[in-house]
Amino acid sequence: MDTVKSHPVFSSPDFSVTPAELRQLFGRRDSPLVLDLRRLPRFQESPRLLPTARYCQPDKLTEFAALNVNLKPRWFIAFTVTR
């Protein structure tokens, strides 16, 4: 089993992850915390959410972290929509 530091995601200069790579990370003991950081209107207009993702408005990230101190992932993946 790969460790987090040896995972191919971290060898990328921009630390991006493909959908296929993300699928492989689900269900692992060291699986990442997935944060959905879409702005509220974009989040509300979409019926979809990534498996295991937690939603957080981008401007509320500090509050989210303070309220979820019990979440101690080894790493996390954040995603947003640019349009």
C-alpha atoms as a PDB file:
ATOM      1  CA  MET A   1       0.000   0.000   0.000  1.00  0.00           C
ATOM      2  CA  ASP A   2       1.310   3.458  -0.876  1.00  0.00           C
ATOM      3  CA  THR A   3       1.978   5.877   1.913  1.00  0.00           C
ATOM      4  CA  VAL A   4       0.641   9.384   1.543  1.00  0.00           C
ATOM      5  CA  LYS A   5       4.070  10.852   0.764  1.00  0.00           C
ATOM      6  CA  SER A   6       4.750   8.279  -1.939  1.00  0.00           C
ATOM      7  CA  HIS A   7       1.355   8.638  -3.576  1.00  0.00           C
ATOM      8  CA  PRO A   8       1.649   9.829  -7.223  1.00  0.00           C
ATOM      9  CA  VAL A   9      -0.629  12.797  -6.516  1.00  0.00           C
ATOM     10  CA  PHE A  10       2.208  14.423  -4.619  1.00  0.00           C
ATOM     11  CA  SER A  11       4.698  14.006  -7.446  1.00  0.00           C
ATOM     12  CA  SER A  12       2.709  16.436  -9.577  1.00  0.00           C
ATOM     13  CA  PRO A  13       3.882  20.063  -9.475  1.00  0.00           C
ATOM     14  CA  ASP A  14       0.334  21.315  -8.971  1.00  0.00           C
ATOM     15  CA  PHE A  15      -0.831  18.446  -6.739  1.00  0.00           C
ATOM     16  CA  SER A  16      -3.819  17.719  -8.939  1.00  0.00           C
ATOM     17  CA  VAL A  17      -5.641  14.426  -8.833  1.00  0.00           C
ATOM     18  CA  THR A  18      -7.645  12.751 -11.564  1.00  0.00           C
ATOM     19  CA  PRO A  19     -11.077  11.225 -10.923  1.00  0.00           C
ATOM     20  CA  ALA A  20      -9.557   7.754 -11.313  1.00  0.00           C
ATOM     21  CA  GLU A  21      -6.829   8.517  -8.761  1.00  0.00           C
ATOM     22  CA  LEU A  22      -9.406   9.927  -6.359  1.00  0.00           C
ATOM     23  CA  ARG A  23     -11.563   6.793  -6.642  1.00  0.00           C
ATOM     24  CA  GLN A  24      -8.565   4.691  -5.637  1.00  0.00           C
ATOM     25  CA  LEU A  25      -8.161   6.745  -2.465  1.00  0.00           C
ATOM     26  CA  PHE A  26     -11.664   6.125  -1.104  1.00  0.00           C
ATOM     27  CA  GLY A  27     -11.987   3.486   1.577  1.00  0.00           C
ATOM     28  CA  ARG A  28      -8.338   3.562   2.597  1.00  0.00           C
ATOM     29  CA  ARG A  29      -7.284   4.121   6.178  1.00  0.00           C
ATOM     30  CA  ASP A  30      -5.333   7.181   5.041  1.00  0.00           C
ATOM     31  CA  SER A  31      -8.012   8.455   2.665  1.00  0.00           C
ATOM     32  CA  PRO A  32      -8.123  12.229   2.327  1.00  0.00           C
ATOM     33  CA  LEU A  33     -10.711  14.620   3.614  1.00  0.00           C
ATOM     34  CA  VAL A  34     -12.475  15.869   0.473  1.00  0.00           C
ATOM     35  CA  LEU A  35     -13.720  19.454   0.729  1.00  0.00           C
ATOM     36  CA  ASP A  36     -16.256  20.840  -1.716  1.00  0.00           C
ATOM     37  CA  LEU A  37     -15.479  24.559  -1.840  1.00  0.00           C
ATOM     38  CA  ARG A  38     -17.911  25.611  -4.531  1.00  0.00           C
ATOM     39  CA  ARG A  39     -19.645  28.930  -3.956  1.00  0.00           C
ATOM     40  CA  LEU A  40     -23.109  28.435  -2.483  1.00  0.00           C
ATOM     41  CA  PRO A  41     -25.126  29.197  -5.672  1.00  0.00           C
ATOM     42  CA  ARG A  42     -23.079  26.653  -7.669  1.00  0.00           C
ATOM     43  CA  PHE A  43     -23.423  24.081  -4.908  1.00  0.00           C
ATOM     44  CA  GLN A  44     -27.187  24.587  -4.664  1.00  0.00           C
ATOM     45  CA  GLU A  45     -27.740  24.269  -8.422  1.00  0.00           C
ATOM     46  CA  SER A  46     -25.978  20.912  -8.612  1.00  0.00           C
ATOM     47  CA  PRO A  47     -27.628  17.686  -7.439  1.00  0.00           C
ATOM     48  CA  ARG A  48     -24.214  16.000  -7.141  1.00  0.00           C
ATOM     49  CA  LEU A  49     -21.639  15.663  -4.403  1.00  0.00           C
ATOM     50  CA  LEU A  50     -18.439  13.643  -4.502  1.00  0.00           C
ATOM     51  CA  PRO A  51     -18.522  10.542  -2.306  1.00  0.00           C
ATOM     52  CA  THR A  52     -17.340  11.352   1.248  1.00  0.00           C
ATOM     53  CA  ALA A  53     -17.073  15.089   0.440  1.00  0.00           C
ATOM     54  CA  ARG A  54     -17.877  17.686   3.055  1.00  0.00           C
ATOM     55  CA  TYR A  55     -19.287  21.003   1.847  1.00  0.00           C
ATOM     56  CA  CYS A  56     -17.848  24.297   3.033  1.00  0.00           C
ATOM     57  CA  GLN A  57     -18.426  27.749   1.607  1.00  0.00           C
ATOM     58  CA  PRO A  58     -15.029  29.179   0.596  1.00  0.00           C
ATOM     59  CA  ASP A  59     -15.375  32.234   2.833  1.00  0.00           C
ATOM     60  CA  LYS A  60     -16.244  29.992   5.811  1.00  0.00           C
ATOM     61  CA  LEU A  61     -13.196  27.723   5.648  1.00  0.00           C
ATOM     62  CA  THR A  62     -11.655  29.074   8.865  1.00  0.00           C
ATOM     63  CA  GLU A  63     -14.935  28.507  10.719  1.00  0.00           C
ATOM     64  CA  PHE A  64     -15.229  25.014   9.235  1.00  0.00           C
ATOM     65  CA  ALA A  65     -11.739  24.149  10.469  1.00  0.00           C
ATOM     66  CA  ALA A  66     -12.483  25.479  13.958  1.00  0.00           C
ATOM     67  CA  LEU A  67     -15.745  23.519  14.195  1.00  0.00           C
ATOM     68  CA  ASN A  68     -14.185  20.317  12.863  1.00  0.00           C
ATOM     69  CA  VAL A  69     -10.978  20.072  14.871  1.00  0.00           C
ATOM     70  CA  ASN A  70     -11.758  16.395  15.445  1.00  0.00           C
ATOM     71  CA  LEU A  71     -11.172  15.767  11.726  1.00  0.00           C
ATOM     72  CA  LYS A  72      -7.502  14.970  11.553  1.00  0.00           C
ATOM     73  CA  PRO A  73      -6.901  13.769   8.028  1.00  0.00           C
ATOM     74  CA  ARG A  74      -3.353  13.143   6.997  1.00  0.00           C
ATOM     75  CA  TRP A  75      -4.138  15.216   3.919  1.00  0.00           C
ATOM     76  CA  PHE A  76      -7.069  16.726   2.116  1.00  0.00           C
ATOM     77  CA  ILE A  77      -8.312  17.451  -1.369  1.00  0.00           C
ATOM     78  CA  ALA A  78     -10.240  20.647  -2.027  1.00  0.00           C
ATOM     79  CA  PHE A  79     -12.176  21.285  -5.181  1.00  0.00           C
ATOM     80  CA  THR A  80     -14.075  24.188  -6.624  1.00  0.00           C
ATOM     81  CA  VAL A  81     -15.597  25.343  -9.895  1.00  0.00           C
ATOM     82  CA  THR A  82     -13.996  28.197 -11.777  1.00  0.00           C
ATOM     83  CA  ARG A  83     -17.007  29.179 -13.863  1.00  0.00           C
END
